[in-house]
Amino acid sequence: MFELKKSGDKFHFVLKAVNGQVILTSQMYATKASALNGIESVQKNCGKDESFEMKTAKNGKIHFNIKATNGQIIGSSQMYTAESGAKNGIESVRKNAPGASVKEVE
């Protein structure tokens, strides 16, 4: 499920797995409509290998980003201690995003 939240005057979303764990967190968007477009972009691009980019942070932990076709980052994962965890996170996005509902939360 995608949870759409308003923070101040901006919007962002998270994608949660069935167990409630956050898989992906978006950037901040100026409008609700642009955040909803971001959700659609995740759903559209999550099946493409080239949409995902794994990175290693300075602390050695691994995370991934999902990008739109224009190369802009749509969402980022949590930090994982191993590459296998990040790969599992990508698979979870692929499994959970396409048919996920959108719920507005406070």
PDB file of N, CA and C in Angstrom:
ATOM      1  N   MET A   1       0.838  -1.172   0.000  1.00  0.00           N
ATOM      2  CA  MET A   1       0.000   0.000   0.000  1.00  0.00           C
ATOM      3  C   MET A   1       0.888   1.243   0.000  1.00  0.00           C
ATOM      4  N   PHE A   2       0.484   2.223  -0.786  1.00  0.00           N
ATOM      5  CA  PHE A   2       1.131   3.529  -0.749  1.00  0.00           C
ATOM      6  C   PHE A   2       0.407   4.377   0.282  1.00  0.00           C
ATOM      7  N   GLU A   3       1.163   5.007   1.160  1.00  0.00           N
ATOM      8  CA  GLU A   3       0.591   5.965   2.099  1.00  0.00           C
ATOM      9  C   GLU A   3       1.050   7.348   1.674  1.00  0.00           C
ATOM     10  N   LEU A   4       0.090   8.212   1.420  1.00  0.00           N
ATOM     11  CA  LEU A   4       0.353   9.581   0.999  1.00  0.00           C
ATOM     12  C   LEU A   4       0.180  10.487   2.205  1.00  0.00           C
ATOM     13  N   LYS A   5       1.214  11.274   2.508  1.00  0.00           N
ATOM     14  CA  LYS A   5       1.179  12.130   3.693  1.00  0.00           C
ATOM     15  C   LYS A   5       1.480  13.573   3.320  1.00  0.00           C
ATOM     16  N   LYS A   6       0.871  14.475   4.068  1.00  0.00           N
ATOM     17  CA  LYS A   6       1.191  15.891   3.930  1.00  0.00           C
ATOM     18  C   LYS A   6       2.084  16.274   5.099  1.00  0.00           C
ATOM     19  N   SER A   7       3.208  16.917   4.774  1.00  0.00           N
ATOM     20  CA  SER A   7       4.135  17.410   5.798  1.00  0.00           C
ATOM     21  C   SER A   7       4.322  18.899   5.562  1.00  0.00           C
ATOM     22  N   GLY A   8       3.731  19.691   6.433  1.00  0.00           N
ATOM     23  CA  GLY A   8       3.753  21.133   6.216  1.00  0.00           C
ATOM     24  C   GLY A   8       2.929  21.451   4.982  1.00  0.00           C
ATOM     25  N   ASP A   9       3.551  22.077   3.998  1.00  0.00           N
ATOM     26  CA  ASP A   9       2.831  22.391   2.764  1.00  0.00           C
ATOM     27  C   ASP A   9       3.270  21.489   1.608  1.00  0.00           C
ATOM     28  N   LYS A  10       3.987  20.415   1.929  1.00  0.00           N
ATOM     29  CA  LYS A  10       4.465  19.486   0.889  1.00  0.00           C
ATOM     30  C   LYS A  10       3.889  18.093   1.127  1.00  0.00           C
ATOM     31  N   PHE A  11       4.075  17.232   0.125  1.00  0.00           N
ATOM     32  CA  PHE A  11       3.537  15.874   0.177  1.00  0.00           C
ATOM     33  C   PHE A  11       4.647  14.875  -0.109  1.00  0.00           C
ATOM     34  N   HIS A  12       4.516  13.682   0.474  1.00  0.00           N
ATOM     35  CA  HIS A  12       5.411  12.572   0.142  1.00  0.00           C
ATOM     36  C   HIS A  12       4.646  11.271   0.357  1.00  0.00           C
ATOM     37  N   PHE A  13       5.246  10.180  -0.119  1.00  0.00           N
ATOM     38  CA  PHE A  13       4.604   8.884   0.053  1.00  0.00           C
ATOM     39  C   PHE A  13       5.616   7.834   0.466  1.00  0.00           C
ATOM     40  N   VAL A  14       5.092   6.779   1.062  1.00  0.00           N
ATOM     41  CA  VAL A  14       5.874   5.582   1.349  1.00  0.00           C
ATOM     42  C   VAL A  14       5.126   4.397   0.759  1.00  0.00           C
ATOM     43  N   LEU A  15       5.891   3.396   0.358  1.00  0.00           N
ATOM     44  CA  LEU A  15       5.320   2.122  -0.078  1.00  0.00           C
ATOM     45  C   LEU A  15       5.577   1.131   1.034  1.00  0.00           C
ATOM     46  N   LYS A  16       4.505   0.479   1.489  1.00  0.00           N
ATOM     47  CA  LYS A  16       4.627  -0.504   2.569  1.00  0.00           C
ATOM     48  C   LYS A  16       4.328  -1.902   2.043  1.00  0.00           C
ATOM     49  N   ALA A  17       5.062  -2.867   2.578  1.00  0.00           N
ATOM     50  CA  ALA A  17       4.805  -4.270   2.275  1.00  0.00           C
ATOM     51  C   ALA A  17       3.563  -4.713   3.047  1.00  0.00           C
ATOM     52  N   VAL A  18       3.109  -5.919   2.771  1.00  0.00           N
ATOM     53  CA  VAL A  18       1.928  -6.464   3.444  1.00  0.00           C
ATOM     54  C   VAL A  18       2.114  -6.484   4.959  1.00  0.00           C
ATOM     55  N   ASN A  19       3.350  -6.709   5.412  1.00  0.00           N
ATOM     56  CA  ASN A  19       3.619  -6.769   6.853  1.00  0.00           C
ATOM     57  C   ASN A  19       3.736  -5.383   7.492  1.00  0.00           C
ATOM     58  N   GLY A  20       3.542  -4.316   6.702  1.00  0.00           N
ATOM     59  CA  GLY A  20       3.579  -2.962   7.238  1.00  0.00           C
ATOM     60  C   GLY A  20       4.946  -2.304   7.192  1.00  0.00           C
ATOM     61  N   GLN A  21       5.964  -3.030   6.776  1.00  0.00           N
ATOM     62  CA  GLN A  21       7.311  -2.465   6.717  1.00  0.00           C
ATOM     63  C   GLN A  21       7.427  -1.501   5.531  1.00  0.00           C
ATOM     64  N   VAL A  22       8.075  -0.370   5.765  1.00  0.00           N
ATOM     65  CA  VAL A  22       8.297   0.606   4.698  1.00  0.00           C
ATOM     66  C   VAL A  22       9.388   0.091   3.770  1.00  0.00           C
ATOM     67  N   ILE A  23       9.076   0.007   2.485  1.00  0.00           N
ATOM     68  CA  ILE A  23      10.019  -0.479   1.479  1.00  0.00           C
ATOM     69  C   ILE A  23      10.674   0.690   0.757  1.00  0.00           C
ATOM     70  N   LEU A  24       9.899   1.753   0.535  1.00  0.00           N
ATOM     71  CA  LEU A  24      10.349   2.854  -0.312  1.00  0.00           C
ATOM     72  C   LEU A  24       9.788   4.162   0.232  1.00  0.00           C
ATOM     73  N   THR A  25      10.606   5.216   0.212  1.00  0.00           N
ATOM     74  CA  THR A  25      10.186   6.542   0.645  1.00  0.00           C
ATOM     75  C   THR A  25      10.448   7.521  -0.492  1.00  0.00           C
ATOM     76  N   SER A  26       9.477   8.373  -0.768  1.00  0.00           N
ATOM     77  CA  SER A  26       9.627   9.327  -1.871  1.00  0.00           C
ATOM     78  C   SER A  26      10.333  10.592  -1.415  1.00  0.00           C
ATOM     79  N   GLN A  27      10.633  11.419  -2.398  1.00  0.00           N
ATOM     80  CA  GLN A  27      11.078  12.783  -2.151  1.00  0.00           C
ATOM     81  C   GLN A  27       9.866  13.601  -1.713  1.00  0.00           C
ATOM     82  N   MET A  28      10.074  14.878  -1.422  1.00  0.00           N
ATOM     83  CA  MET A  28       8.968  15.777  -1.098  1.00  0.00           C
ATOM     84  C   MET A  28       8.450  16.404  -2.396  1.00  0.00           C
ATOM     85  N   TYR A  29       7.147  16.503  -2.500  1.00  0.00           N
ATOM     86  CA  TYR A  29       6.501  17.084  -3.671  1.00  0.00           C
ATOM     87  C   TYR A  29       5.748  18.340  -3.265  1.00  0.00           C
ATOM     88  N   ALA A  30       5.695  19.313  -4.160  1.00  0.00           N
ATOM     89  CA  ALA A  30       5.023  20.581  -3.869  1.00  0.00           C
ATOM     90  C   ALA A  30       3.512  20.428  -3.818  1.00  0.00           C
ATOM     91  N   THR A  31       2.962  19.483  -4.596  1.00  0.00           N
ATOM     92  CA  THR A  31       1.510  19.326  -4.639  1.00  0.00           C
ATOM     93  C   THR A  31       1.131  17.856  -4.470  1.00  0.00           C
ATOM     94  N   LYS A  32      -0.105  17.666  -4.070  1.00  0.00           N
ATOM     95  CA  LYS A  32      -0.647  16.314  -3.946  1.00  0.00           C
ATOM     96  C   LYS A  32      -0.657  15.625  -5.311  1.00  0.00           C
ATOM     97  N   ALA A  33      -1.023  16.368  -6.352  1.00  0.00           N
ATOM     98  CA  ALA A  33      -1.083  15.803  -7.703  1.00  0.00           C
ATOM     99  C   ALA A  33       0.290  15.292  -8.145  1.00  0.00           C
ATOM    100  N   SER A  34       1.341  16.040  -7.834  1.00  0.00           N
ATOM    101  CA  SER A  34       2.675  15.592  -8.247  1.00  0.00           C
ATOM    102  C   SER A  34       3.112  14.360  -7.444  1.00  0.00           C
ATOM    103  N   ALA A  35       2.705  14.270  -6.180  1.00  0.00           N
ATOM    104  CA  ALA A  35       3.001  13.067  -5.394  1.00  0.00           C
ATOM    105  C   ALA A  35       2.264  11.857  -5.965  1.00  0.00           C
ATOM    106  N   LEU A  36       1.011  12.053  -6.367  1.00  0.00           N
ATOM    107  CA  LEU A  36       0.253  10.965  -6.993  1.00  0.00           C
ATOM    108  C   LEU A  36       0.891  10.552  -8.320  1.00  0.00           C
ATOM    109  N   ASN A  37       1.426  11.509  -9.067  1.00  0.00           N
ATOM    110  CA  ASN A  37       2.160  11.186 -10.289  1.00  0.00           C
ATOM    111  C   ASN A  37       3.405  10.370  -9.970  1.00  0.00           C
ATOM    112  N   GLY A  38       4.054  10.693  -8.851  1.00  0.00           N
ATOM    113  CA  GLY A  38       5.226   9.920  -8.410  1.00  0.00           C
ATOM    114  C   GLY A  38       4.853   8.475  -8.123  1.00  0.00           C
ATOM    115  N   ILE A  39       3.713   8.264  -7.474  1.00  0.00           N
ATOM    116  CA  ILE A  39       3.234   6.909  -7.194  1.00  0.00           C
ATOM    117  C   ILE A  39       2.992   6.164  -8.504  1.00  0.00           C
ATOM    118  N   GLU A  40       2.334   6.824  -9.446  1.00  0.00           N
ATOM    119  CA  GLU A  40       2.096   6.196 -10.752  1.00  0.00           C
ATOM    120  C   GLU A  40       3.406   5.846 -11.446  1.00  0.00           C
ATOM    121  N   SER A  41       4.388   6.696 -11.304  1.00  0.00           N
ATOM    122  CA  SER A  41       5.690   6.457 -11.931  1.00  0.00           C
ATOM    123  C   SER A  41       6.379   5.239 -11.306  1.00  0.00           C
ATOM    124  N   VAL A  42       6.274   5.090  -9.989  1.00  0.00           N
ATOM    125  CA  VAL A  42       6.827   3.891  -9.335  1.00  0.00           C
ATOM    126  C   VAL A  42       6.138   2.650  -9.899  1.00  0.00           C
ATOM    127  N   GLN A  43       4.807   2.705  -9.981  1.00  0.00           N
ATOM    128  CA  GLN A  43       4.051   1.551 -10.485  1.00  0.00           C
ATOM    129  C   GLN A  43       4.430   1.221 -11.929  1.00  0.00           C
ATOM    130  N   LYS A  44       4.678   2.234 -12.728  1.00  0.00           N
ATOM    131  CA  LYS A  44       4.993   2.048 -14.136  1.00  0.00           C
ATOM    132  C   LYS A  44       6.425   1.549 -14.339  1.00  0.00           C
ATOM    133  N   ASN A  45       7.349   2.016 -13.510  1.00  0.00           N
ATOM    134  CA  ASN A  45       8.769   1.734 -13.723  1.00  0.00           C
ATOM    135  C   ASN A  45       9.332   0.583 -12.896  1.00  0.00           C
ATOM    136  N   CYS A  46       8.572   0.058 -11.945  1.00  0.00           N
ATOM    137  CA  CYS A  46       9.129  -0.950 -11.045  1.00  0.00           C
ATOM    138  C   CYS A  46       9.432  -2.287 -11.722  1.00  0.00           C
ATOM    139  N   GLY A  47       8.907  -2.514 -12.913  1.00  0.00           N
ATOM    140  CA  GLY A  47       9.187  -3.758 -13.613  1.00  0.00           C
ATOM    141  C   GLY A  47      10.435  -3.713 -14.481  1.00  0.00           C
ATOM    142  N   LYS A  48      11.061  -2.549 -14.561  1.00  0.00           N
ATOM    143  CA  LYS A  48      12.223  -2.378 -15.433  1.00  0.00           C
ATOM    144  C   LYS A  48      13.512  -2.405 -14.612  1.00  0.00           C
ATOM    145  N   ASP A  49      14.429  -3.314 -14.965  1.00  0.00           N
ATOM    146  CA  ASP A  49      15.704  -3.403 -14.256  1.00  0.00           C
ATOM    147  C   ASP A  49      16.452  -2.076 -14.244  1.00  0.00           C
ATOM    148  N   GLU A  50      16.413  -1.366 -15.383  1.00  0.00           N
ATOM    149  CA  GLU A  50      17.177  -0.126 -15.493  1.00  0.00           C
ATOM    150  C   GLU A  50      16.617   1.000 -14.624  1.00  0.00           C
ATOM    151  N   SER A  51      15.444   0.806 -14.043  1.00  0.00           N
ATOM    152  CA  SER A  51      14.864   1.820 -13.158  1.00  0.00           C
ATOM    153  C   SER A  51      15.489   1.801 -11.771  1.00  0.00           C
ATOM    154  N   PHE A  52      16.134   0.692 -11.423  1.00  0.00           N
ATOM    155  CA  PHE A  52      16.706   0.550 -10.087  1.00  0.00           C
ATOM    156  C   PHE A  52      18.208   0.796 -10.110  1.00  0.00           C
ATOM    157  N   GLU A  53      18.677   1.479  -9.085  1.00  0.00           N
ATOM    158  CA  GLU A  53      20.095   1.773  -8.953  1.00  0.00           C
ATOM    159  C   GLU A  53      20.494   1.488  -7.511  1.00  0.00           C
ATOM    160  N   MET A  54      21.438   0.559  -7.337  1.00  0.00           N
ATOM    161  CA  MET A  54      21.950   0.264  -6.001  1.00  0.00           C
ATOM    162  C   MET A  54      23.182   1.114  -5.744  1.00  0.00           C
ATOM    163  N   LYS A  55      23.294   1.593  -4.513  1.00  0.00           N
ATOM    164  CA  LYS A  55      24.423   2.441  -4.143  1.00  0.00           C
ATOM    165  C   LYS A  55      24.943   2.014  -2.772  1.00  0.00           C
ATOM    166  N   THR A  56      26.221   2.254  -2.562  1.00  0.00           N
ATOM    167  CA  THR A  56      26.825   2.008  -1.256  1.00  0.00           C
ATOM    168  C   THR A  56      27.104   3.357  -0.610  1.00  0.00           C
ATOM    169  N   ALA A  57      26.602   3.530   0.584  1.00  0.00           N
ATOM    170  CA  ALA A  57      26.801   4.783   1.326  1.00  0.00           C
ATOM    171  C   ALA A  57      28.211   4.806   1.922  1.00  0.00           C
ATOM    172  N   LYS A  58      28.596   5.970   2.414  1.00  0.00           N
ATOM    173  CA  LYS A  58      29.932   6.125   3.014  1.00  0.00           C
ATOM    174  C   LYS A  58      30.137   5.202   4.205  1.00  0.00           C
ATOM    175  N   ASN A  59      29.049   4.854   4.888  1.00  0.00           N
ATOM    176  CA  ASN A  59      29.150   3.968   6.051  1.00  0.00           C
ATOM    177  C   ASN A  59      29.182   2.489   5.661  1.00  0.00           C
ATOM    178  N   GLY A  60      29.179   2.213   4.342  1.00  0.00           N
ATOM    179  CA  GLY A  60      29.252   0.831   3.863  1.00  0.00           C
ATOM    180  C   GLY A  60      27.906   0.156   3.677  1.00  0.00           C
ATOM    181  N   LYS A  61      26.842   0.807   4.108  1.00  0.00           N
ATOM    182  CA  LYS A  61      25.516   0.211   3.936  1.00  0.00           C
ATOM    183  C   LYS A  61      25.020   0.435   2.510  1.00  0.00           C
ATOM    184  N   ILE A  62      24.099  -0.409   2.088  1.00  0.00           N
ATOM    185  CA  ILE A  62      23.618  -0.397   0.711  1.00  0.00           C
ATOM    186  C   ILE A  62      22.161   0.036   0.688  1.00  0.00           C
ATOM    187  N   HIS A  63      21.811   0.844  -0.307  1.00  0.00           N
ATOM    188  CA  HIS A  63      20.422   1.239  -0.507  1.00  0.00           C
ATOM    189  C   HIS A  63      20.176   1.296  -2.008  1.00  0.00           C
ATOM    190  N   PHE A  64      18.901   1.461  -2.364  1.00  0.00           N
ATOM    191  CA  PHE A  64      18.591   1.587  -3.785  1.00  0.00           C
ATOM    192  C   PHE A  64      17.635   2.739  -4.020  1.00  0.00           C
ATOM    193  N   ASN A  65      17.678   3.225  -5.244  1.00  0.00           N
ATOM    194  CA  ASN A  65      16.753   4.250  -5.712  1.00  0.00           C
ATOM    195  C   ASN A  65      15.980   3.667  -6.886  1.00  0.00           C
ATOM    196  N   ILE A  66      14.768   4.130  -7.056  1.00  0.00           N
ATOM    197  CA  ILE A  66      14.028   3.838  -8.281  1.00  0.00           C
ATOM    198  C   ILE A  66      13.885   5.160  -9.017  1.00  0.00           C
ATOM    199  N   LYS A  67      14.168   5.101 -10.315  1.00  0.00           N
ATOM    200  CA  LYS A  67      14.169   6.315 -11.131  1.00  0.00           C
ATOM    201  C   LYS A  67      13.082   6.266 -12.191  1.00  0.00           C
ATOM    202  N   ALA A  68      12.587   7.434 -12.546  1.00  0.00           N
ATOM    203  CA  ALA A  68      11.651   7.579 -13.658  1.00  0.00           C
ATOM    204  C   ALA A  68      12.429   7.466 -14.967  1.00  0.00           C
ATOM    205  N   THR A  69      11.716   7.401 -16.065  1.00  0.00           N
ATOM    206  CA  THR A  69      12.375   7.279 -17.366  1.00  0.00           C
ATOM    207  C   THR A  69      13.255   8.490 -17.674  1.00  0.00           C
ATOM    208  N   ASN A  70      12.985   9.638 -17.052  1.00  0.00           N
ATOM    209  CA  ASN A  70      13.823  10.827 -17.262  1.00  0.00           C
ATOM    210  C   ASN A  70      15.056  10.845 -16.364  1.00  0.00           C
ATOM    211  N   GLY A  71      15.242   9.790 -15.558  1.00  0.00           N
ATOM    212  CA  GLY A  71      16.407   9.685 -14.687  1.00  0.00           C
ATOM    213  C   GLY A  71      16.226  10.288 -13.314  1.00  0.00           C
ATOM    214  N   GLN A  72      15.084  10.919 -13.068  1.00  0.00           N
ATOM    215  CA  GLN A  72      14.842  11.532 -11.758  1.00  0.00           C
ATOM    216  C   GLN A  72      14.507  10.453 -10.731  1.00  0.00           C
ATOM    217  N   ILE A  73      15.073  10.594  -9.525  1.00  0.00           N
ATOM    218  CA  ILE A  73      14.797   9.637  -8.449  1.00  0.00           C
ATOM    219  C   ILE A  73      13.369   9.851  -7.951  1.00  0.00           C
ATOM    220  N   ILE A  74      12.603   8.756  -7.926  1.00  0.00           N
ATOM    221  CA  ILE A  74      11.216   8.805  -7.453  1.00  0.00           C
ATOM    222  C   ILE A  74      11.145   8.403  -5.984  1.00  0.00           C
ATOM    223  N   GLY A  75      11.939   7.392  -5.620  1.00  0.00           N
ATOM    224  CA  GLY A  75      11.913   6.888  -4.258  1.00  0.00           C
ATOM    225  C   GLY A  75      13.222   6.235  -3.887  1.00  0.00           C
ATOM    226  N   SER A  76      13.464   6.146  -2.580  1.00  0.00           N
ATOM    227  CA  SER A  76      14.690   5.549  -2.046  1.00  0.00           C
ATOM    228  C   SER A  76      14.338   4.559  -0.949  1.00  0.00           C
ATOM    229  N   SER A  77      15.180   3.550  -0.834  1.00  0.00           N
ATOM    230  CA  SER A  77      14.963   2.512   0.183  1.00  0.00           C
ATOM    231  C   SER A  77      15.626   2.905   1.495  1.00  0.00           C
ATOM    232  N   GLN A  78      15.412   2.058   2.469  1.00  0.00           N
ATOM    233  CA  GLN A  78      16.146   2.147   3.720  1.00  0.00           C
ATOM    234  C   GLN A  78      17.580   1.683   3.459  1.00  0.00           C
ATOM    235  N   MET A  79      18.434   1.756   4.466  1.00  0.00           N
ATOM    236  CA  MET A  79      19.802   1.251   4.366  1.00  0.00           C
ATOM    237  C   MET A  79      19.818  -0.228   4.755  1.00  0.00           C
ATOM    238  N   TYR A  80      20.548  -1.012   3.982  1.00  0.00           N
ATOM    239  CA  TYR A  80      20.695  -2.441   4.247  1.00  0.00           C
ATOM    240  C   TYR A  80      22.155  -2.745   4.549  1.00  0.00           C
ATOM    241  N   THR A  81      22.385  -3.757   5.389  1.00  0.00           N
ATOM    242  CA  THR A  81      23.759  -4.123   5.720  1.00  0.00           C
ATOM    243  C   THR A  81      24.404  -4.963   4.629  1.00  0.00           C
ATOM    244  N   ALA A  82      23.591  -5.633   3.810  1.00  0.00           N
ATOM    245  CA  ALA A  82      24.129  -6.498   2.757  1.00  0.00           C
ATOM    246  C   ALA A  82      23.404  -6.248   1.441  1.00  0.00           C
ATOM    247  N   GLU A  83      24.097  -6.524   0.346  1.00  0.00           N
ATOM    248  CA  GLU A  83      23.513  -6.361  -0.981  1.00  0.00           C
ATOM    249  C   GLU A  83      22.279  -7.244  -1.145  1.00  0.00           C
ATOM    250  N   SER A  84      22.294  -8.420  -0.523  1.00  0.00           N
ATOM    251  CA  SER A  84      21.147  -9.329  -0.632  1.00  0.00           C
ATOM    252  C   SER A  84      19.885  -8.689  -0.055  1.00  0.00           C
ATOM    253  N   GLY A  85      20.025  -7.911   1.012  1.00  0.00           N
ATOM    254  CA  GLY A  85      18.880  -7.217   1.599  1.00  0.00           C
ATOM    255  C   GLY A  85      18.311  -6.181   0.644  1.00  0.00           C
ATOM    256  N   ALA A  86      19.199  -5.446  -0.031  1.00  0.00           N
ATOM    257  CA  ALA A  86      18.754  -4.446  -1.003  1.00  0.00           C
ATOM    258  C   ALA A  86      18.060  -5.128  -2.181  1.00  0.00           C
ATOM    259  N   LYS A  87      18.602  -6.243  -2.633  1.00  0.00           N
ATOM    260  CA  LYS A  87      17.971  -6.975  -3.741  1.00  0.00           C
ATOM    261  C   LYS A  87      16.592  -7.476  -3.348  1.00  0.00           C
ATOM    262  N   ASN A  88      16.451  -7.951  -2.104  1.00  0.00           N
ATOM    263  CA  ASN A  88      15.136  -8.369  -1.607  1.00  0.00           C
ATOM    264  C   ASN A  88      14.177  -7.184  -1.555  1.00  0.00           C
ATOM    265  N   GLY A  89      14.698  -6.005  -1.191  1.00  0.00           N
ATOM    266  CA  GLY A  89      13.874  -4.798  -1.171  1.00  0.00           C
ATOM    267  C   GLY A  89      13.366  -4.437  -2.559  1.00  0.00           C
ATOM    268  N   ILE A  90      14.239  -4.557  -3.558  1.00  0.00           N
ATOM    269  CA  ILE A  90      13.834  -4.282  -4.942  1.00  0.00           C
ATOM    270  C   ILE A  90      12.736  -5.250  -5.367  1.00  0.00           C
ATOM    271  N   GLU A  91      12.912  -6.524  -5.041  1.00  0.00           N
ATOM    272  CA  GLU A  91      11.885  -7.511  -5.383  1.00  0.00           C
ATOM    273  C   GLU A  91      10.572  -7.202  -4.677  1.00  0.00           C
ATOM    274  N   SER A  92      10.650  -6.708  -3.465  1.00  0.00           N
ATOM    275  CA  SER A  92       9.444  -6.349  -2.723  1.00  0.00           C
ATOM    276  C   SER A  92       8.728  -5.172  -3.390  1.00  0.00           C
ATOM    277  N   VAL A  93       9.485  -4.200  -3.891  1.00  0.00           N
ATOM    278  CA  VAL A  93       8.874  -3.087  -4.630  1.00  0.00           C
ATOM    279  C   VAL A  93       8.175  -3.634  -5.872  1.00  0.00           C
ATOM    280  N   ARG A  94       8.872  -4.512  -6.595  1.00  0.00           N
ATOM    281  CA  ARG A  94       8.289  -5.083  -7.816  1.00  0.00           C
ATOM    282  C   ARG A  94       7.002  -5.852  -7.529  1.00  0.00           C
ATOM    283  N   LYS A  95       6.963  -6.502  -6.385  1.00  0.00           N
ATOM    284  CA  LYS A  95       5.801  -7.314  -6.024  1.00  0.00           C
ATOM    285  C   LYS A  95       4.653  -6.454  -5.483  1.00  0.00           C
ATOM    286  N   ASN A  96       4.976  -5.464  -4.668  1.00  0.00           N
ATOM    287  CA  ASN A  96       3.948  -4.711  -3.951  1.00  0.00           C
ATOM    288  C   ASN A  96       3.442  -3.460  -4.657  1.00  0.00           C
ATOM    289  N   ALA A  97       4.265  -2.821  -5.489  1.00  0.00           N
ATOM    290  CA  ALA A  97       3.885  -1.527  -6.067  1.00  0.00           C
ATOM    291  C   ALA A  97       2.805  -1.599  -7.141  1.00  0.00           C
ATOM    292  N   PRO A  98       2.884  -2.540  -8.108  1.00  0.00           N
ATOM    293  CA  PRO A  98       1.977  -2.460  -9.254  1.00  0.00           C
ATOM    294  C   PRO A  98       0.485  -2.362  -8.922  1.00  0.00           C
ATOM    295  N   GLY A  99      -0.011  -3.138  -7.992  1.00  0.00           N
ATOM    296  CA  GLY A  99      -1.432  -3.118  -7.685  1.00  0.00           C
ATOM    297  C   GLY A  99      -1.767  -2.450  -6.368  1.00  0.00           C
ATOM    298  N   ALA A 100      -0.796  -1.736  -5.810  1.00  0.00           N
ATOM    299  CA  ALA A 100      -0.989  -1.166  -4.466  1.00  0.00           C
ATOM    300  C   ALA A 100      -2.027  -0.042  -4.484  1.00  0.00           C
ATOM    301  N   SER A 101      -2.826  -0.026  -3.438  1.00  0.00           N
ATOM    302  CA  SER A 101      -3.796   1.061  -3.276  1.00  0.00           C
ATOM    303  C   SER A 101      -3.077   2.275  -2.673  1.00  0.00           C
ATOM    304  N   VAL A 102      -3.743   3.420  -2.730  1.00  0.00           N
ATOM    305  CA  VAL A 102      -3.208   4.649  -2.163  1.00  0.00           C
ATOM    306  C   VAL A 102      -4.116   5.076  -1.026  1.00  0.00           C
ATOM    307  N   LYS A 103      -3.507   5.291   0.150  1.00  0.00           N
ATOM    308  CA  LYS A 103      -4.272   5.716   1.317  1.00  0.00           C
ATOM    309  C   LYS A 103      -3.664   7.015   1.838  1.00  0.00           C
ATOM    310  N   GLU A 104      -4.519   8.001   2.016  1.00  0.00           N
ATOM    311  CA  GLU A 104      -4.046   9.259   2.604  1.00  0.00           C
ATOM    312  C   GLU A 104      -4.034   9.115   4.104  1.00  0.00           C
ATOM    313  N   VAL A 105      -2.919   9.491   4.722  1.00  0.00           N
ATOM    314  CA  VAL A 105      -2.786   9.406   6.168  1.00  0.00           C
ATOM    315  C   VAL A 105      -2.382  10.765   6.732  1.00  0.00           C
ATOM    316  N   GLU A 106      -2.692  10.940   8.000  1.00  0.00           N
ATOM    317  CA  GLU A 106      -2.363  12.220   8.669  1.00  0.00           C
ATOM    318  C   GLU A 106      -0.920  12.227   9.112  1.00  0.00           C
TER     319      GLU A 106
END
